[in-house]
All heavy atoms as atom14 arrays in JSON, in Angstrom:
{
  "sequence": "SRFIRGFFNTYYLTVIFTAPVAAISYAMAGRLVYAV",
  "atom14_mask": [
    [1, 1, 1, 1, 1, 1, 0, 0, 0, 0, 0, 0, 0, 0],
    [1, 1, 1, 1, 1, 1, 1, 1, 1, 1, 1, 0, 0, 0],
    [1, 1, 1, 1, 1, 1, 1, 1, 1, 1, 1, 0, 0, 0],
    [1, 1, 1, 1, 1, 1, 1, 1, 0, 0, 0, 0, 0, 0],
    [1, 1, 1, 1, 1, 1, 1, 1, 1, 1, 1, 0, 0, 0],
    [1, 1, 1, 1, 0, 0, 0, 0, 0, 0, 0, 0, 0, 0],
    [1, 1, 1, 1, 1, 1, 1, 1, 1, 1, 1, 0, 0, 0],
    [1, 1, 1, 1, 1, 1, 1, 1, 1, 1, 1, 0, 0, 0],
    [1, 1, 1, 1, 1, 1, 1, 1, 0, 0, 0, 0, 0, 0],
    [1, 1, 1, 1, 1, 1, 1, 0, 0, 0, 0, 0, 0, 0],
    [1, 1, 1, 1, 1, 1, 1, 1, 1, 1, 1, 1, 0, 0],
    [1, 1, 1, 1, 1, 1, 1, 1, 1, 1, 1, 1, 0, 0],
    [1, 1, 1, 1, 1, 1, 1, 1, 0, 0, 0, 0, 0, 0],
    [1, 1, 1, 1, 1, 1, 1, 0, 0, 0, 0, 0, 0, 0],
    [1, 1, 1, 1, 1, 1, 1, 0, 0, 0, 0, 0, 0, 0],
    [1, 1, 1, 1, 1, 1, 1, 1, 0, 0, 0, 0, 0, 0],
    [1, 1, 1, 1, 1, 1, 1, 1, 1, 1, 1, 0, 0, 0],
    [1, 1, 1, 1, 1, 1, 1, 0, 0, 0, 0, 0, 0, 0],
    [1, 1, 1, 1, 1, 0, 0, 0, 0, 0, 0, 0, 0, 0],
    [1, 1, 1, 1, 1, 1, 1, 0, 0, 0, 0, 0, 0, 0],
    [1, 1, 1, 1, 1, 1, 1, 0, 0, 0, 0, 0, 0, 0],
    [1, 1, 1, 1, 1, 0, 0, 0, 0, 0, 0, 0, 0, 0],
    [1, 1, 1, 1, 1, 0, 0, 0, 0, 0, 0, 0, 0, 0],
    [1, 1, 1, 1, 1, 1, 1, 1, 0, 0, 0, 0, 0, 0],
    [1, 1, 1, 1, 1, 1, 0, 0, 0, 0, 0, 0, 0, 0],
    [1, 1, 1, 1, 1, 1, 1, 1, 1, 1, 1, 1, 0, 0],
    [1, 1, 1, 1, 1, 0, 0, 0, 0, 0, 0, 0, 0, 0],
    [1, 1, 1, 1, 1, 1, 1, 1, 0, 0, 0, 0, 0, 0],
    [1, 1, 1, 1, 1, 0, 0, 0, 0, 0, 0, 0, 0, 0],
    [1, 1, 1, 1, 0, 0, 0, 0, 0, 0, 0, 0, 0, 0],
    [1, 1, 1, 1, 1, 1, 1, 1, 1, 1, 1, 0, 0, 0],
    [1, 1, 1, 1, 1, 1, 1, 1, 0, 0, 0, 0, 0, 0],
    [1, 1, 1, 1, 1, 1, 1, 0, 0, 0, 0, 0, 0, 0],
    [1, 1, 1, 1, 1, 1, 1, 1, 1, 1, 1, 1, 0, 0],
    [1, 1, 1, 1, 1, 0, 0, 0, 0, 0, 0, 0, 0, 0],
    [1, 1, 1, 1, 1, 1, 1, 0, 0, 0, 0, 0, 0, 0]
  ],
  "atom14_positions": [
    [[0.82, -1.2, 0.0], [0.0, 0.0, 0.0], [0.86, 1.26, 0.0], [0.51, 2.26, -0.63], [-0.97, 0.0, 1.18], [-0.27, -0.02, 2.4], [0.0, 0.0, 0.0], [0.0, 0.0, 0.0], [0.0, 0.0, 0.0], [0.0, 0.0, 0.0], [0.0, 0.0, 0.0], [0.0, 0.0, 0.0], [0.0, 0.0, 0.0], [0.0, 0.0, 0.0]],
    [[2.0, 1.22, 0.68], [2.9, 2.38, 0.69], [3.48, 2.62, -0.69], [3.58, 3.76, -1.16], [4.01, 2.18, 1.71], [4.85, 3.46, 1.89], [5.9, 3.28, 2.93], [6.99, 2.5, 2.31], [7.94, 1.89, 2.97], [7.95, 1.91, 4.28], [8.87, 1.23, 2.34], [0.0, 0.0, 0.0], [0.0, 0.0, 0.0], [0.0, 0.0, 0.0]],
    [[3.85, 1.55, -1.38], [4.4, 1.69, -2.72], [3.36, 2.25, -3.69], [3.65, 3.16, -4.47], [4.92, 0.33, -3.23], [5.52, 0.42, -4.6], [6.79, 0.93, -4.77], [4.79, 0.04, -5.71], [7.35, 1.04, -6.04], [5.33, 0.14, -6.98], [6.61, 0.64, -7.15], [0.0, 0.0, 0.0], [0.0, 0.0, 0.0], [0.0, 0.0, 0.0]],
    [[2.16, 1.71, -3.63], [1.09, 2.17, -4.52], [0.76, 3.64, -4.24], [0.59, 4.44, -5.16], [-0.15, 1.27, -4.39], [0.17, -0.12, -4.95], [-1.35, 1.89, -5.12], [-0.85, -1.17, -4.62], [0.0, 0.0, 0.0], [0.0, 0.0, 0.0], [0.0, 0.0, 0.0], [0.0, 0.0, 0.0], [0.0, 0.0, 0.0], [0.0, 0.0, 0.0]],
    [[0.7, 4.0, -2.97], [0.42, 5.39, -2.61], [1.53, 6.3, -3.15], [1.26, 7.37, -3.68], [0.32, 5.54, -1.1], [-0.09, 6.95, -0.69], [0.42, 7.3, 0.7], [0.0, 8.6, 1.12], [0.63, 9.73, 0.8], [1.69, 9.7, 0.03], [0.18, 10.9, 1.23], [0.0, 0.0, 0.0], [0.0, 0.0, 0.0], [0.0, 0.0, 0.0]],
    [[2.77, 5.88, -3.02], [3.88, 6.67, -3.53], [3.83, 6.81, -5.05], [4.15, 7.87, -5.59], [0.0, 0.0, 0.0], [0.0, 0.0, 0.0], [0.0, 0.0, 0.0], [0.0, 0.0, 0.0], [0.0, 0.0, 0.0], [0.0, 0.0, 0.0], [0.0, 0.0, 0.0], [0.0, 0.0, 0.0], [0.0, 0.0, 0.0], [0.0, 0.0, 0.0]],
    [[3.41, 5.75, -5.72], [3.27, 5.78, -7.18], [2.21, 6.79, -7.59], [2.42, 7.6, -8.5], [2.94, 4.37, -7.68], [3.14, 4.17, -9.15], [4.41, 4.16, -9.68], [2.06, 3.96, -9.98], [4.61, 3.97, -11.04], [2.24, 3.76, -11.34], [3.52, 3.76, -11.87], [0.0, 0.0, 0.0], [0.0, 0.0, 0.0], [0.0, 0.0, 0.0]],
    [[1.08, 6.77, -6.9], [0.0, 7.73, -7.17], [0.47, 9.15, -6.87], [0.19, 10.07, -7.64], [-1.25, 7.4, -6.33], [-2.2, 6.46, -7.0], [-1.93, 5.1, -7.05], [-3.37, 6.91, -7.56], [-2.8, 4.22, -7.65], [-4.25, 6.04, -8.18], [-3.98, 4.69, -8.23], [0.0, 0.0, 0.0], [0.0, 0.0, 0.0], [0.0, 0.0, 0.0]],
    [[1.15, 9.34, -5.75], [1.62, 10.67, -5.37], [2.57, 11.24, -6.43], [2.45, 12.39, -6.82], [2.29, 10.63, -4.0], [2.64, 12.01, -3.51], [1.85, 12.95, -3.63], [3.81, 12.15, -2.94], [0.0, 0.0, 0.0], [0.0, 0.0, 0.0], [0.0, 0.0, 0.0], [0.0, 0.0, 0.0], [0.0, 0.0, 0.0], [0.0, 0.0, 0.0]],
    [[3.49, 10.42, -6.88], [4.44, 10.85, -7.91], [3.7, 11.23, -9.19], [4.0, 12.26, -9.82], [5.47, 9.75, -8.2], [6.15, 9.43, -6.99], [6.47, 10.18, -9.26], [0.0, 0.0, 0.0], [0.0, 0.0, 0.0], [0.0, 0.0, 0.0], [0.0, 0.0, 0.0], [0.0, 0.0, 0.0], [0.0, 0.0, 0.0], [0.0, 0.0, 0.0]],
    [[2.73, 10.43, -9.57], [1.93, 10.73, -10.76], [1.21, 12.07, -10.62], [1.28, 12.93, -11.51], [0.93, 9.61, -11.03], [-0.16, 10.03, -11.98], [0.13, 10.26, -13.33], [-1.46, 10.22, -11.54], [-0.86, 10.66, -14.2], [-2.45, 10.61, -12.41], [-2.15, 10.84, -13.73], [-3.13, 11.25, -14.6], [0.0, 0.0, 0.0], [0.0, 0.0, 0.0]],
    [[0.51, 12.25, -9.51], [-0.24, 13.48, -9.32], [0.69, 14.7, -9.31], [0.37, 15.73, -9.92], [-1.07, 13.44, -8.04], [-2.24, 12.49, -8.11], [-2.51, 11.61, -7.08], [-3.08, 12.48, -9.21], [-3.59, 10.74, -7.14], [-4.16, 11.61, -9.29], [-4.41, 10.74, -8.25], [-5.48, 9.89, -8.32], [0.0, 0.0, 0.0], [0.0, 0.0, 0.0]],
    [[1.82, 14.61, -8.63], [2.75, 15.74, -8.6], [3.28, 16.07, -10.0], [3.41, 17.24, -10.36], [3.92, 15.44, -7.66], [3.58, 15.48, -6.17], [4.78, 15.04, -5.34], [3.11, 16.86, -5.76], [0.0, 0.0, 0.0], [0.0, 0.0, 0.0], [0.0, 0.0, 0.0], [0.0, 0.0, 0.0], [0.0, 0.0, 0.0], [0.0, 0.0, 0.0]],
    [[3.56, 15.04, -10.77], [4.06, 15.27, -12.13], [3.01, 15.97, -12.99], [3.32, 16.92, -13.71], [4.49, 13.95, -12.79], [5.42, 13.28, -11.93], [5.14, 14.18, -14.13], [0.0, 0.0, 0.0], [0.0, 0.0, 0.0], [0.0, 0.0, 0.0], [0.0, 0.0, 0.0], [0.0, 0.0, 0.0], [0.0, 0.0, 0.0], [0.0, 0.0, 0.0]],
    [[1.76, 15.51, -12.9], [0.69, 16.15, -13.67], [0.46, 17.58, -13.17], [0.26, 18.5, -13.98], [-0.61, 15.33, -13.58], [-1.79, 16.08, -14.19], [-0.44, 14.0, -14.3], [0.0, 0.0, 0.0], [0.0, 0.0, 0.0], [0.0, 0.0, 0.0], [0.0, 0.0, 0.0], [0.0, 0.0, 0.0], [0.0, 0.0, 0.0], [0.0, 0.0, 0.0]],
    [[0.52, 17.78, -11.87], [0.31, 19.11, -11.3], [1.36, 20.1, -11.79], [1.08, 21.29, -11.96], [0.28, 19.03, -9.75], [-1.03, 18.38, -9.3], [0.47, 20.39, -9.11], [-1.07, 17.99, -7.84], [0.0, 0.0, 0.0], [0.0, 0.0, 0.0], [0.0, 0.0, 0.0], [0.0, 0.0, 0.0], [0.0, 0.0, 0.0], [0.0, 0.0, 0.0]],
    [[2.57, 19.62, -12.08], [3.61, 20.52, -12.56], [3.68, 20.61, -14.09], [4.07, 21.65, -14.61], [4.97, 20.12, -12.0], [5.11, 20.43, -10.54], [5.15, 19.41, -9.61], [5.14, 21.73, -10.09], [5.25, 19.69, -8.25], [5.25, 22.03, -8.74], [5.3, 21.0, -7.81], [0.0, 0.0, 0.0], [0.0, 0.0, 0.0], [0.0, 0.0, 0.0]],
    [[3.3, 19.57, -14.81], [3.44, 19.62, -16.27], [2.2, 20.17, -16.97], [2.33, 20.85, -17.99], [3.77, 18.23, -16.85], [2.76, 17.29, -16.46], [5.13, 17.76, -16.41], [0.0, 0.0, 0.0], [0.0, 0.0, 0.0], [0.0, 0.0, 0.0], [0.0, 0.0, 0.0], [0.0, 0.0, 0.0], [0.0, 0.0, 0.0], [0.0, 0.0, 0.0]],
    [[1.02, 19.88, -16.47], [-0.21, 20.34, -17.14], [-0.32, 21.86, -17.21], [-0.66, 22.39, -18.28], [-1.44, 19.72, -16.48], [0.0, 0.0, 0.0], [0.0, 0.0, 0.0], [0.0, 0.0, 0.0], [0.0, 0.0, 0.0], [0.0, 0.0, 0.0], [0.0, 0.0, 0.0], [0.0, 0.0, 0.0], [0.0, 0.0, 0.0], [0.0, 0.0, 0.0]],
    [[-0.06, 22.6, -16.13], [-0.18, 24.06, -16.24], [0.84, 24.67, -17.21], [0.52, 25.64, -17.9], [0.07, 24.58, -14.83], [-0.04, 23.43, -13.94], [0.21, 22.2, -14.75], [0.0, 0.0, 0.0], [0.0, 0.0, 0.0], [0.0, 0.0, 0.0], [0.0, 0.0, 0.0], [0.0, 0.0, 0.0], [0.0, 0.0, 0.0], [0.0, 0.0, 0.0]],
    [[2.03, 24.1, -17.26], [3.04, 24.61, -18.19], [2.55, 24.45, -19.62], [2.62, 25.38, -20.44], [4.4, 23.9, -17.98], [5.4, 24.28, -19.06], [4.95, 24.21, -16.6], [0.0, 0.0, 0.0], [0.0, 0.0, 0.0], [0.0, 0.0, 0.0], [0.0, 0.0, 0.0], [0.0, 0.0, 0.0], [0.0, 0.0, 0.0], [0.0, 0.0, 0.0]],
    [[2.03, 23.27, -19.94], [1.49, 23.04, -21.28], [0.28, 23.94, -21.53], [0.12, 24.5, -22.62], [1.12, 21.58, -21.45], [0.0, 0.0, 0.0], [0.0, 0.0, 0.0], [0.0, 0.0, 0.0], [0.0, 0.0, 0.0], [0.0, 0.0, 0.0], [0.0, 0.0, 0.0], [0.0, 0.0, 0.0], [0.0, 0.0, 0.0], [0.0, 0.0, 0.0]],
    [[-0.58, 24.1, -20.52], [-1.78, 24.93, -20.68], [-1.4, 26.39, -20.97], [-1.99, 27.02, -21.85], [-2.63, 24.85, -19.42], [0.0, 0.0, 0.0], [0.0, 0.0, 0.0], [0.0, 0.0, 0.0], [0.0, 0.0, 0.0], [0.0, 0.0, 0.0], [0.0, 0.0, 0.0], [0.0, 0.0, 0.0], [0.0, 0.0, 0.0], [0.0, 0.0, 0.0]],
    [[-0.42, 26.89, -20.26], [0.02, 28.27, -20.49], [0.58, 28.42, -21.9], [0.33, 29.43, -22.57], [1.03, 28.7, -19.42], [0.32, 28.84, -18.06], [1.73, 30.0, -19.8], [1.25, 28.96, -16.87], [0.0, 0.0, 0.0], [0.0, 0.0, 0.0], [0.0, 0.0, 0.0], [0.0, 0.0, 0.0], [0.0, 0.0, 0.0], [0.0, 0.0, 0.0]],
    [[1.32, 27.41, -22.35], [1.88, 27.51, -23.7], [0.78, 27.51, -24.76], [0.88, 28.22, -25.76], [2.88, 26.38, -23.96], [2.23, 25.14, -24.05], [0.0, 0.0, 0.0], [0.0, 0.0, 0.0], [0.0, 0.0, 0.0], [0.0, 0.0, 0.0], [0.0, 0.0, 0.0], [0.0, 0.0, 0.0], [0.0, 0.0, 0.0], [0.0, 0.0, 0.0]],
    [[-0.28, 26.72, -24.54], [-1.4, 26.74, -25.49], [-2.14, 28.06, -25.42], [-2.57, 28.59, -26.46], [-2.36, 25.58, -25.21], [-1.9, 24.28, -25.8], [-1.31, 23.32, -25.02], [-2.04, 24.02, -27.16], [-0.86, 22.13, -25.56], [-1.6, 22.84, -27.72], [-1.01, 21.89, -26.91], [-0.57, 20.72, -27.45], [0.0, 0.0, 0.0], [0.0, 0.0, 0.0]],
    [[-2.29, 28.62, -24.24], [-2.95, 29.92, -24.12], [-2.16, 31.0, -24.85], [-2.74, 31.86, -25.54], [-3.12, 30.28, -22.65], [0.0, 0.0, 0.0], [0.0, 0.0, 0.0], [0.0, 0.0, 0.0], [0.0, 0.0, 0.0], [0.0, 0.0, 0.0], [0.0, 0.0, 0.0], [0.0, 0.0, 0.0], [0.0, 0.0, 0.0], [0.0, 0.0, 0.0]],
    [[-0.85, 30.96, -24.71], [0.0, 31.94, -25.39], [-0.03, 31.75, -26.91], [0.17, 32.71, -27.66], [1.43, 31.85, -24.86], [1.53, 32.38, -23.45], [3.14, 32.14, -22.64], [4.3, 32.65, -23.85], [0.0, 0.0, 0.0], [0.0, 0.0, 0.0], [0.0, 0.0, 0.0], [0.0, 0.0, 0.0], [0.0, 0.0, 0.0], [0.0, 0.0, 0.0]],
    [[-0.31, 30.53, -27.36], [-0.39, 30.26, -28.8], [-1.8, 30.53, -29.34], [-2.06, 30.32, -30.53], [0.0, 28.82, -29.08], [0.0, 0.0, 0.0], [0.0, 0.0, 0.0], [0.0, 0.0, 0.0], [0.0, 0.0, 0.0], [0.0, 0.0, 0.0], [0.0, 0.0, 0.0], [0.0, 0.0, 0.0], [0.0, 0.0, 0.0], [0.0, 0.0, 0.0]],
    [[-2.71, 30.97, -28.47], [-4.06, 31.29, -28.92], [-5.01, 30.11, -28.95], [-6.12, 30.23, -29.46], [0.0, 0.0, 0.0], [0.0, 0.0, 0.0], [0.0, 0.0, 0.0], [0.0, 0.0, 0.0], [0.0, 0.0, 0.0], [0.0, 0.0, 0.0], [0.0, 0.0, 0.0], [0.0, 0.0, 0.0], [0.0, 0.0, 0.0], [0.0, 0.0, 0.0]],
    [[-4.62, 29.0, -28.41], [-5.48, 27.8, -28.35], [-6.14, 27.74, -26.96], [-5.78, 26.92, -26.12], [-4.66, 26.54, -28.58], [-3.94, 26.49, -29.89], [-4.92, 26.16, -30.99], [-4.25, 26.03, -32.26], [-4.5, 25.08, -33.12], [-5.42, 24.18, -32.84], [-3.88, 25.05, -34.26], [0.0, 0.0, 0.0], [0.0, 0.0, 0.0], [0.0, 0.0, 0.0]],
    [[-7.1, 28.62, -26.75], [-7.69, 28.76, -25.41], [-8.5, 27.55, -24.98], [-8.5, 27.19, -23.81], [-8.54, 30.03, -25.36], [-7.76, 31.33, -25.56], [-8.68, 32.53, -25.49], [-6.64, 31.45, -24.55], [0.0, 0.0, 0.0], [0.0, 0.0, 0.0], [0.0, 0.0, 0.0], [0.0, 0.0, 0.0], [0.0, 0.0, 0.0], [0.0, 0.0, 0.0]],
    [[-9.2, 26.91, -25.91], [-10.0, 25.74, -25.55], [-9.09, 24.63, -25.02], [-9.39, 24.01, -23.99], [-10.82, 25.23, -26.76], [-11.5, 23.91, -26.45], [-11.84, 26.28, -27.18], [0.0, 0.0, 0.0], [0.0, 0.0, 0.0], [0.0, 0.0, 0.0], [0.0, 0.0, 0.0], [0.0, 0.0, 0.0], [0.0, 0.0, 0.0], [0.0, 0.0, 0.0]],
    [[-7.99, 24.42, -25.7], [-7.07, 23.39, -25.26], [-6.41, 23.76, -23.95], [-6.19, 22.91, -23.09], [-6.03, 23.11, -26.35], [-5.47, 21.73, -26.26], [-6.27, 20.63, -26.51], [-4.16, 21.51, -25.87], [-5.77, 19.35, -26.41], [-3.66, 20.23, -25.76], [-4.47, 19.16, -26.04], [-3.97, 17.9, -25.91], [0.0, 0.0, 0.0], [0.0, 0.0, 0.0]],
    [[-6.12, 25.06, -23.77], [-5.53, 25.52, -22.51], [-6.49, 25.25, -21.35], [-6.07, 24.78, -20.29], [-5.2, 27.0, -22.6], [0.0, 0.0, 0.0], [0.0, 0.0, 0.0], [0.0, 0.0, 0.0], [0.0, 0.0, 0.0], [0.0, 0.0, 0.0], [0.0, 0.0, 0.0], [0.0, 0.0, 0.0], [0.0, 0.0, 0.0], [0.0, 0.0, 0.0]],
    [[-7.77, 25.52, -21.57], [-8.77, 25.27, -20.52], [-8.85, 23.78, -20.2], [-8.94, 23.39, -19.03], [-10.15, 25.84, -20.94], [-11.25, 25.35, -20.02], [-10.1, 27.36, -20.98], [0.0, 0.0, 0.0], [0.0, 0.0, 0.0], [0.0, 0.0, 0.0], [0.0, 0.0, 0.0], [0.0, 0.0, 0.0], [0.0, 0.0, 0.0], [0.0, 0.0, 0.0]]
  ]
}
């Protein structure tokens, strides 16, 4: 259970840091729907 929890935590942290960066880049490129 500790390993699985750690796996989930790592996944969520990675998405939390990569998704906004990609979203901002799409917003700057004028692709607002995709940014949202």
